[in-house]
């Protein structure tokens, strides 16, 4: 084990003999909680087109199958009375395992983690049951206005990309147990591609024997696998769609701004700050002043891979008769926010809200785990201290940065708008 201390972040890094990276962040936030996340680059982006449908559900297939000699029912029985969770996940550009345990059950967690890597279990009976349940569920969902609305938003945002098509009874018919298992095994064959992050109630000395026994012994091919860009790009210009479905007298509207993003801590904080301003403004006008909706949400998302991009989604439900006038008012408020220059007092208030939000979040091991594991997904640990110093990032926020975030992300020549309207009676 090669040790690299990161004292500025309270982190110890180990490089194991098989090339895997282990990142340790002991905390005293919860006495009996240890959380982990193991991540590698790749995900479903590495699936060929003819494997994609099976690759997309490979994590669910493995969960349903159990691990090693134990089917899922036996595994549940074995873990009764223990606080242990080790769950595989496969996203578009990354894959891995996530879970946690208590200090008492830590070795059991490591044993299950080892089995998830080395002995995923194919269970044809569980697979058939899973497919049957999925067909029934999806057939029902296709009648749901909310589901069709969500799918229409996603299709518009991805330009109807084949890899973003929703699961349907027809795609379930193309599931393939052997292909799912082969894809999963290929992704988990190389421990050197993984970074294991542990956060919670442990000491490096106590966890080291378990890391050496169960992680350093995982197989490694040193193939340096990484994700590929499958070409899902946000649409150009303005895309507007209307879904007419259901009889409930309500409308739902989503307006989503998307585009390239300068991905660093300063721009992420500025986007979050601007979102708070816009959310507050829309709450005051659309809900309080006009009584147009019970709740209106503004949610920012950013991604670093495969290309740095942002999404900013505004979502609300309202009386169908008021949809057009509320959309118009929202665009007026967007222009107002873009034109606003912020006084030192206003920026101080925004910083204070962000500081309180961070103070709440930083009392949670899960928040720290997310922050650390996302940092390591495509970078090493040299800048982890700055990445975790969120108060310094908040203190550096300027009025200009907030206004610039509004002007660059709320680009009104470039968005998707989807409306859900009830069918005529």
Protein backbone atom coordinates (compact mmCIF):
# COMPACT_ATOMS: atom_id res chain seq x y z
CA UNK A 1 0.00 0.00 0.00
CA UNK A 2 1.38 3.39 -1.04
CA UNK A 3 0.11 6.21 1.22
CA UNK A 4 -0.53 9.82 0.14
CA UNK A 5 -1.79 12.06 2.97
CA UNK A 6 -4.08 14.99 2.09
CA UNK A 7 -4.08 16.76 5.47
CA UNK A 8 -5.78 19.91 4.10
CA UNK A 9 -8.88 17.75 3.45
CA UNK A 10 -8.57 15.33 6.38
CA UNK A 11 -8.11 12.56 3.80
CA UNK A 12 -5.69 9.64 3.42
CA UNK A 13 -5.17 8.10 -0.03
CA UNK A 14 -3.86 4.60 -0.62
CA UNK A 15 -2.74 3.07 -3.90
CA UNK A 16 -3.06 -0.72 -3.64
CA UNK A 17 -0.84 -3.36 -5.23
CA UNK A 18 -3.50 -4.06 -7.88
CA UNK A 19 -3.65 -0.36 -8.85
CA UNK A 20 -6.95 0.47 -7.10
CA UNK A 21 -7.18 3.84 -5.32
CA UNK A 22 -8.68 4.03 -1.81
CA UNK A 23 -9.73 7.39 -0.34
CA UNK A 24 -10.42 7.55 3.41
CA UNK A 25 -12.30 10.37 5.16
CA UNK A 26 -12.92 9.51 8.84
CA UNK A 27 -15.66 11.64 10.47
CA UNK A 28 -17.41 11.82 13.84
CA UNK A 29 -20.79 12.86 12.39
CA UNK A 30 -22.54 9.54 13.14
CA UNK A 31 -21.00 7.00 15.50
CA UNK A 32 -22.28 3.88 13.77
CA UNK A 33 -22.20 4.83 10.08
CA UNK A 34 -19.61 4.05 7.40
CA UNK A 35 -20.57 4.84 3.79
CA UNK A 36 -18.67 3.95 0.64
CA UNK A 37 -18.76 4.46 -3.09
CA UNK A 38 -16.55 2.67 -5.62
CA UNK A 39 -16.51 4.32 -9.05
CA UNK A 40 -14.85 3.62 -12.41
CA UNK A 41 -15.09 5.41 -15.73
CA UNK A 42 -17.06 3.69 -18.46
CA UNK A 43 -20.71 2.90 -17.84
CA UNK A 44 -23.14 2.02 -20.62
CA UNK A 45 -21.19 4.26 -23.01
CA UNK A 46 -18.90 1.23 -23.49
CA UNK A 47 -21.76 -1.00 -24.66
CA UNK A 48 -22.10 -1.67 -28.38
CA UNK A 49 -25.49 -0.65 -29.81
CA UNK A 50 -26.61 -4.30 -29.92
CA UNK A 51 -25.69 -4.71 -26.21
CA UNK A 52 -27.13 -1.45 -24.94
CA UNK A 53 -30.61 -2.64 -23.90
CA UNK A 54 -29.05 -5.47 -21.86
CA UNK A 55 -26.25 -3.24 -20.50
CA UNK A 56 -28.72 -0.63 -19.25
CA UNK A 57 -30.36 -3.15 -16.89
CA UNK A 58 -27.21 -5.14 -15.99
CA UNK A 59 -27.04 -3.61 -12.48
CA UNK A 60 -30.70 -4.57 -11.80
CA UNK A 61 -30.10 -8.07 -13.19
CA UNK A 62 -27.11 -8.57 -10.86
CA UNK A 63 -29.05 -7.25 -7.85
CA UNK A 64 -31.89 -9.69 -8.60
CA UNK A 65 -29.45 -12.60 -8.96
CA UNK A 66 -27.71 -12.46 -5.59
CA UNK A 67 -23.95 -12.97 -5.19
CA UNK A 68 -21.58 -15.94 -5.08
CA UNK A 69 -23.44 -19.11 -4.03
CA UNK A 70 -26.39 -17.12 -2.59
CA UNK A 71 -29.52 -16.17 -4.49
CA UNK A 72 -31.15 -12.84 -3.57
CA UNK A 73 -33.54 -14.44 -1.03
CA UNK A 74 -30.72 -16.33 0.72
CA UNK A 75 -28.57 -13.20 0.71
CA UNK A 76 -31.34 -11.17 2.37
CA UNK A 77 -31.71 -13.91 4.98
CA UNK A 78 -27.96 -13.96 5.67
CA UNK A 79 -27.93 -10.18 6.14
CA UNK A 80 -30.93 -10.11 8.50
CA UNK A 81 -29.96 -8.23 11.64
CA UNK A 82 -26.94 -6.67 9.94
CA UNK A 83 -26.77 -3.10 8.64
CA UNK A 84 -25.03 -3.89 5.34
CA UNK A 85 -25.70 -2.62 1.84
CA UNK A 86 -23.60 -3.06 -1.34
CA UNK A 87 -25.51 -2.07 -4.47
CA UNK A 88 -24.17 -2.04 -8.05
CA UNK A 89 -24.94 0.89 -10.35
CA UNK A 90 -24.23 1.51 -14.03
CA UNK A 91 -24.69 5.03 -15.40
CA UNK A 92 -23.90 6.39 -18.85
CA UNK A 93 -20.25 7.31 -18.20
CA UNK A 94 -19.45 5.58 -14.90
CA UNK A 95 -20.24 2.42 -12.97
CA UNK A 96 -19.53 1.00 -9.55
CA UNK A 97 -20.90 0.00 -6.17
CA UNK A 98 -22.35 2.05 -3.33
CA UNK A 99 -23.50 1.23 0.17
CA UNK A 100 -22.47 1.19 3.78
CA UNK A 101 -22.52 -0.53 7.14
CA UNK A 102 -21.80 -0.07 10.83
CA UNK A 103 -18.31 -0.58 12.31
CA UNK A 104 -19.55 -3.93 13.72
CA UNK A 105 -20.68 -5.22 10.31
CA UNK A 106 -17.83 -3.75 8.28
CA UNK A 107 -16.17 -7.06 7.40
CA UNK A 108 -19.49 -8.45 6.10
CA UNK A 109 -19.78 -5.37 3.87
CA UNK A 110 -16.27 -5.97 2.48
CA UNK A 111 -17.09 -9.66 1.87
CA UNK A 112 -20.22 -8.73 -0.09
CA UNK A 113 -18.30 -6.05 -2.00
CA UNK A 114 -15.72 -8.70 -2.98
CA UNK A 115 -18.48 -11.06 -4.18
CA UNK A 116 -20.20 -8.29 -6.18
CA UNK A 117 -16.91 -7.81 -8.06
CA UNK A 118 -15.82 -11.41 -8.51
CA UNK A 119 -18.94 -13.60 -8.39
CA UNK A 120 -22.08 -11.87 -9.71
CA UNK A 121 -24.77 -14.52 -9.94
CA UNK A 122 -27.02 -15.21 -12.93
CA UNK A 123 -30.47 -16.35 -11.78
CA UNK A 124 -32.75 -17.23 -14.75
CA UNK A 125 -35.83 -17.56 -12.50
CA UNK A 126 -35.29 -14.15 -10.86
CA UNK A 127 -34.53 -12.65 -14.30
CA UNK A 128 -37.81 -13.99 -15.77
CA UNK A 129 -39.77 -12.65 -12.77
CA UNK A 130 -38.07 -9.25 -13.07
CA UNK A 131 -38.90 -9.03 -16.80
CA UNK A 132 -42.51 -10.05 -16.19
CA UNK A 133 -42.95 -7.40 -13.46
CA UNK A 134 -41.30 -4.76 -15.66
CA UNK A 135 -43.65 -5.49 -18.59
CA UNK A 136 -46.74 -5.11 -16.38
CA UNK A 137 -45.44 -1.95 -14.69
CA UNK A 138 -44.40 -0.30 -17.97
CA UNK A 139 -47.70 -1.13 -19.68
CA UNK A 140 -49.51 0.67 -16.83
CA UNK A 141 -47.08 3.59 -16.88
CA UNK A 142 -47.71 4.27 -20.55
CA UNK A 143 -51.26 5.29 -19.57
CA UNK A 144 -49.96 7.81 -17.00
CA UNK A 145 -49.96 11.48 -18.14
CA UNK A 146 -47.08 12.28 -15.73
CA UNK A 147 -44.88 9.49 -17.14
CA UNK A 148 -45.58 10.46 -20.77
CA UNK A 149 -44.83 14.10 -19.86
CA UNK A 150 -41.47 13.15 -18.28
CA UNK A 151 -40.55 10.98 -21.26
CA UNK A 152 -41.43 13.78 -23.70
CA UNK A 153 -39.17 16.20 -21.81
CA UNK A 154 -36.27 13.71 -21.89
CA UNK A 155 -36.80 12.92 -25.60
CA UNK A 156 -36.78 16.64 -26.45
CA UNK A 157 -33.62 17.26 -24.40
CA UNK A 158 -31.72 14.37 -25.99
CA UNK A 159 -32.91 14.99 -29.55
CA UNK A 160 -34.65 11.59 -29.37
CA UNK A 161 -31.28 9.86 -29.07
CA UNK A 162 -31.57 6.04 -29.29
CA UNK A 163 -29.72 5.67 -25.95
CA UNK A 164 -32.19 7.87 -24.10
CA UNK A 165 -35.33 6.04 -25.21
CA UNK A 166 -37.56 4.99 -22.30
CA UNK A 167 -37.90 1.37 -21.27
CA UNK A 168 -41.10 -0.15 -22.78
CA UNK A 169 -42.64 -3.65 -22.86
CA UNK A 170 -41.01 -4.00 -26.32
CA UNK A 171 -37.50 -3.22 -25.00
CA UNK A 172 -38.03 -5.67 -22.12
CA UNK A 173 -38.54 -8.35 -24.79
CA UNK A 174 -34.96 -7.61 -25.91
CA UNK A 175 -33.44 -8.09 -22.44
CA UNK A 176 -30.82 -10.83 -22.46
CA UNK A 177 -29.51 -12.41 -19.25
CA UNK A 178 -26.23 -13.61 -20.81
CA UNK A 179 -25.48 -10.20 -22.36
CA UNK A 180 -26.26 -8.35 -19.11
CA UNK A 181 -23.98 -10.65 -17.11
CA UNK A 182 -21.16 -10.41 -19.69
CA UNK A 183 -21.35 -6.61 -19.71
CA UNK A 184 -21.32 -6.43 -15.90
CA UNK A 185 -18.36 -8.82 -15.60
CA UNK A 186 -16.36 -6.86 -18.19
CA UNK A 187 -16.89 -3.59 -16.29
CA UNK A 188 -15.90 -5.09 -12.92
CA UNK A 189 -12.91 -7.10 -14.19
CA UNK A 190 -10.36 -4.36 -13.55
CA UNK A 191 -9.99 -3.07 -9.98
CA UNK A 192 -7.19 -0.72 -11.10
CA UNK A 193 -9.85 1.41 -12.80
CA UNK A 194 -11.74 1.97 -9.51
CA UNK A 195 -11.55 4.58 -6.78
CA UNK A 196 -13.03 3.41 -3.45
CA UNK A 197 -14.13 6.26 -1.18
CA UNK A 198 -14.97 5.57 2.50
CA UNK A 199 -16.53 8.19 4.76
CA UNK A 200 -17.65 7.82 8.37
CA UNK A 201 -16.90 6.28 11.74
CA UNK A 202 -13.61 4.39 11.28
CA UNK A 203 -9.86 4.88 11.56
CA UNK A 204 -7.41 4.12 8.72
CA UNK A 205 -5.65 1.64 11.04
CA UNK A 206 -8.86 -0.31 11.71
CA UNK A 207 -9.97 -0.47 8.07
CA UNK A 208 -6.54 -1.29 6.61
CA UNK A 209 -6.57 -5.10 7.15
CA UNK A 210 -10.00 -5.31 5.44
CA UNK A 211 -8.80 -3.19 2.50
CA UNK A 212 -5.71 -5.40 2.13
CA UNK A 213 -7.73 -8.64 2.33
CA UNK A 214 -10.72 -7.78 0.16
CA UNK A 215 -9.77 -4.88 -2.14
CA UNK A 216 -6.06 -5.42 -2.84
CA UNK A 217 -6.91 -9.01 -3.87
CA UNK A 218 -9.46 -7.97 -6.53
CA UNK A 219 -8.39 -8.87 -10.10
CA UNK A 220 -6.91 -6.11 -12.27
CA UNK A 221 -6.18 -5.96 -16.00
CA UNK A 222 -4.73 -2.40 -16.05
CA UNK A 223 -6.65 -1.75 -19.27
CA UNK A 224 -7.21 1.97 -18.44
CA UNK A 225 -10.80 1.76 -19.67
CA UNK A 226 -12.72 5.03 -19.85
CA UNK A 227 -16.08 6.34 -21.05
CA UNK A 228 -16.75 7.35 -24.63
CA UNK A 229 -18.98 10.14 -25.90
CA UNK A 230 -22.08 8.51 -27.42
CA UNK A 231 -23.18 11.81 -28.94
CA UNK A 232 -26.18 12.87 -26.85
CA UNK A 233 -26.29 16.64 -27.39
CA UNK A 234 -28.83 19.25 -26.25
CA UNK A 235 -31.09 20.52 -29.04
CA UNK A 236 -30.25 23.74 -30.87
CA UNK A 237 -32.71 26.62 -30.78
CA UNK A 238 -36.16 26.44 -29.18
CA UNK A 239 -38.08 23.14 -28.94
CA UNK A 240 -41.73 23.30 -27.85
CA UNK A 241 -43.99 20.26 -27.34
CA UNK A 242 -47.49 19.80 -25.98
CA UNK A 243 -48.68 16.50 -24.50
CA UNK A 244 -52.47 16.09 -24.40
CA UNK A 245 -53.25 13.27 -21.98
CA UNK A 246 -55.43 12.58 -18.95
CA UNK A 247 -58.65 14.13 -17.71
CA UNK A 248 -57.48 15.81 -14.48
CA UNK A 249 -58.06 19.58 -14.83
CA UNK A 250 -54.40 20.50 -14.40
CA UNK A 251 -51.51 21.43 -16.61
CA UNK A 252 -47.81 20.85 -15.97
CA UNK A 253 -45.07 22.88 -17.62
CA UNK A 254 -41.32 22.31 -17.82
CA UNK A 255 -38.95 24.89 -19.28
CA UNK A 256 -35.40 23.57 -19.50
CA UNK A 257 -32.36 25.63 -20.47
CA UNK A 258 -29.30 23.64 -21.54
CA UNK A 259 -25.87 24.33 -22.95
CA UNK A 260 -22.10 24.13 -22.54
CA UNK A 261 -20.77 24.97 -19.08
CA UNK A 262 -17.43 26.09 -17.70
CA UNK A 263 -17.15 23.38 -15.05
CA UNK A 264 -15.31 24.57 -11.96
CA UNK A 265 -16.22 25.37 -8.35
CA UNK A 266 -16.71 29.11 -9.00
CA UNK A 267 -19.17 28.58 -11.86
CA UNK A 268 -21.07 25.83 -10.01
CA UNK A 269 -21.51 28.12 -6.96
CA UNK A 270 -22.54 31.08 -9.17
CA UNK A 271 -25.17 28.91 -10.91
CA UNK A 272 -26.50 27.73 -7.53
CA UNK A 273 -26.65 31.35 -6.29
CA UNK A 274 -28.46 32.55 -9.40
CA UNK A 275 -30.93 29.65 -9.07
CA UNK A 276 -31.77 30.79 -5.51
CA UNK A 277 -32.46 34.31 -6.80
CA UNK A 278 -34.66 33.06 -9.66
CA UNK A 279 -36.50 30.59 -7.40
CA UNK A 280 -37.26 33.36 -4.88
CA UNK A 281 -38.39 35.74 -7.62
CA UNK A 282 -40.72 33.16 -9.23
CA UNK A 283 -42.14 32.15 -5.84
CA UNK A 284 -42.95 35.80 -5.05
CA UNK A 285 -44.55 36.54 -8.42
CA UNK A 286 -46.10 33.32 -9.74
CA UNK A 287 -47.30 31.91 -6.42
CA UNK A 288 -47.70 34.85 -4.03
CA UNK A 289 -48.66 37.71 -6.34
CA UNK A 290 -50.60 35.83 -9.05
CA UNK A 291 -51.70 32.73 -7.11
CA UNK A 292 -50.83 30.81 -10.28
CA UNK A 293 -49.45 27.65 -8.68
CA UNK A 294 -48.98 25.96 -5.34
CA UNK A 295 -45.28 25.38 -5.96
CA UNK A 296 -42.73 26.29 -8.61
CA UNK A 297 -39.27 24.71 -8.68
CA UNK A 298 -36.00 25.80 -10.26
CA UNK A 299 -33.43 22.98 -10.32
CA UNK A 300 -29.88 23.31 -11.69
CA UNK A 301 -27.81 20.32 -12.81
CA UNK A 302 -24.25 20.24 -14.08
CA UNK A 303 -22.14 17.45 -15.55
CA UNK A 304 -18.47 17.18 -16.37
CA UNK A 305 -18.60 14.11 -18.62
CA UNK A 306 -18.73 13.45 -21.50
CA UNK A 307 -18.86 17.24 -22.07
CA UNK A 308 -19.22 19.99 -19.46
CA UNK A 309 -22.90 20.99 -19.68
CA UNK A 310 -25.65 22.45 -17.53
CA UNK A 311 -29.40 22.05 -17.30
CA UNK A 312 -31.66 24.50 -15.52
CA UNK A 313 -35.23 23.28 -15.20
CA UNK A 314 -38.27 25.34 -14.17
CA UNK A 315 -41.30 23.20 -13.36
CA UNK A 316 -44.81 23.93 -12.10
CA UNK A 317 -48.45 22.80 -12.27
CA UNK A 318 -51.36 25.16 -12.84
CA UNK A 319 -54.88 25.65 -14.17
CA UNK A 320 -54.74 24.82 -17.93
CA UNK A 321 -56.48 28.12 -18.74
CA UNK A 322 -53.60 30.08 -17.15
CA UNK A 323 -50.70 28.20 -18.75
CA UNK A 324 -49.88 30.68 -21.53
CA UNK A 325 -50.06 33.80 -19.34
CA UNK A 326 -47.85 32.19 -16.66
CA UNK A 327 -45.27 31.11 -19.25
CA UNK A 328 -45.16 34.69 -20.53
CA UNK A 329 -44.72 36.07 -17.01
CA UNK A 330 -41.93 33.60 -16.24
CA UNK A 331 -39.98 34.76 -19.29
CA UNK A 332 -40.47 38.37 -18.14
CA UNK A 333 -39.05 37.45 -14.72
CA UNK A 334 -36.11 35.68 -16.39
CA UNK A 335 -35.29 38.89 -18.29
CA UNK A 336 -35.56 40.82 -15.01
CA UNK A 337 -33.09 38.47 -13.28
CA UNK A 338 -30.66 38.70 -16.23
CA UNK A 339 -30.77 42.51 -16.12
CA UNK A 340 -30.37 42.79 -12.32
CA UNK A 341 -27.13 44.13 -10.86
CA UNK A 342 -26.65 42.95 -7.28
CA UNK A 343 -25.69 45.27 -4.44
CA UNK A 344 -23.09 44.19 -1.83
CA UNK A 345 -25.99 43.67 0.62
CA UNK A 346 -27.83 41.34 -1.75
CA UNK A 347 -24.66 39.30 -2.44
CA UNK A 348 -24.02 39.07 1.32
CA UNK A 349 -27.55 37.67 1.80
CA UNK A 350 -27.06 35.13 -1.00
CA UNK A 351 -23.74 34.05 0.54
CA UNK A 352 -25.43 33.66 3.92
CA UNK A 353 -28.12 31.35 2.45
CA UNK A 354 -25.42 29.26 0.73
CA UNK A 355 -23.37 29.12 3.95
CA UNK A 356 -26.34 27.88 5.99
CA UNK A 357 -27.12 25.30 3.29
CA UNK A 358 -23.51 24.06 3.43
CA UNK A 359 -23.52 23.93 7.26
CA UNK A 360 -26.61 21.70 7.16
CA UNK A 361 -25.26 19.49 4.37
CA UNK A 362 -21.79 19.10 5.85
CA UNK A 363 -23.25 17.36 8.91
CA UNK A 364 -24.16 14.45 6.62
CA UNK A 365 -21.70 11.69 5.66
CA UNK A 366 -23.63 11.14 2.41
CA UNK A 367 -23.03 14.73 1.30
CA UNK A 368 -19.28 14.42 1.96
CA UNK A 369 -19.17 11.07 0.15
CA UNK A 370 -20.84 12.62 -2.93
CA UNK A 371 -18.51 15.62 -2.90
CA UNK A 372 -15.36 13.48 -2.60
CA UNK A 373 -16.33 10.68 -5.00
CA UNK A 374 -17.47 13.11 -7.72
CA UNK A 375 -14.15 14.93 -7.42
CA UNK A 376 -12.16 11.72 -7.89
CA UNK A 377 -14.27 10.46 -10.81
CA UNK A 378 -12.01 12.11 -13.36
CA UNK A 379 -9.31 13.87 -11.32
CA UNK A 380 -6.66 12.88 -8.82
CA UNK A 381 -6.56 14.13 -5.23
CA UNK A 382 -4.14 17.03 -5.64
CA UNK A 383 -6.94 19.65 -5.49
CA UNK A 384 -9.31 17.83 -3.10
CA UNK A 385 -8.60 20.35 -0.29
CA UNK A 386 -9.91 23.25 -2.39
CA UNK A 387 -12.86 21.16 -3.62
CA UNK A 388 -13.99 20.49 -0.03
CA UNK A 389 -13.45 24.10 1.10
CA UNK A 390 -16.97 25.18 0.12
CA UNK A 391 -16.99 28.15 2.57
CA UNK A 392 -14.02 29.66 0.68
CA UNK A 393 -15.85 29.13 -2.63
CA UNK A 394 -18.94 30.88 -1.21
CA UNK A 395 -16.83 33.77 0.17
CA UNK A 396 -15.34 34.29 -3.31
CA UNK A 397 -18.80 34.69 -4.94
CA UNK A 398 -19.25 38.11 -6.60
CA UNK A 399 -22.22 40.11 -7.90
CA UNK A 400 -20.75 39.88 -11.40
CA UNK A 401 -20.54 36.08 -11.23
CA UNK A 402 -24.25 35.79 -10.29
CA UNK A 403 -25.34 38.10 -13.10
CA UNK A 404 -23.04 36.36 -15.57
CA UNK A 405 -24.55 32.99 -14.58
CA UNK A 406 -28.02 34.36 -15.39
CA UNK A 407 -26.94 35.77 -18.74
CA UNK A 408 -25.09 32.66 -19.91
CA UNK A 409 -27.51 29.96 -18.70
CA UNK A 410 -30.92 31.63 -19.18
CA UNK A 411 -30.44 31.91 -22.93
CA UNK A 412 -33.96 32.50 -24.29
CA UNK A 413 -33.04 31.53 -27.85
CA UNK A 414 -32.11 28.07 -26.63
CA UNK A 415 -34.48 26.01 -24.45
CA UNK A 416 -37.01 23.17 -24.35
CA UNK A 417 -40.59 23.82 -23.25
CA UNK A 418 -43.04 20.94 -22.72
CA UNK A 419 -46.65 21.42 -21.60
CA UNK A 420 -49.03 18.72 -20.35
CA UNK A 421 -52.68 19.57 -21.05
CA UNK A 422 -55.82 17.55 -20.24
CA UNK A 423 -57.84 15.92 -23.01
CA UNK A 424 -60.99 17.79 -24.06
CA UNK A 425 -64.07 16.49 -22.27
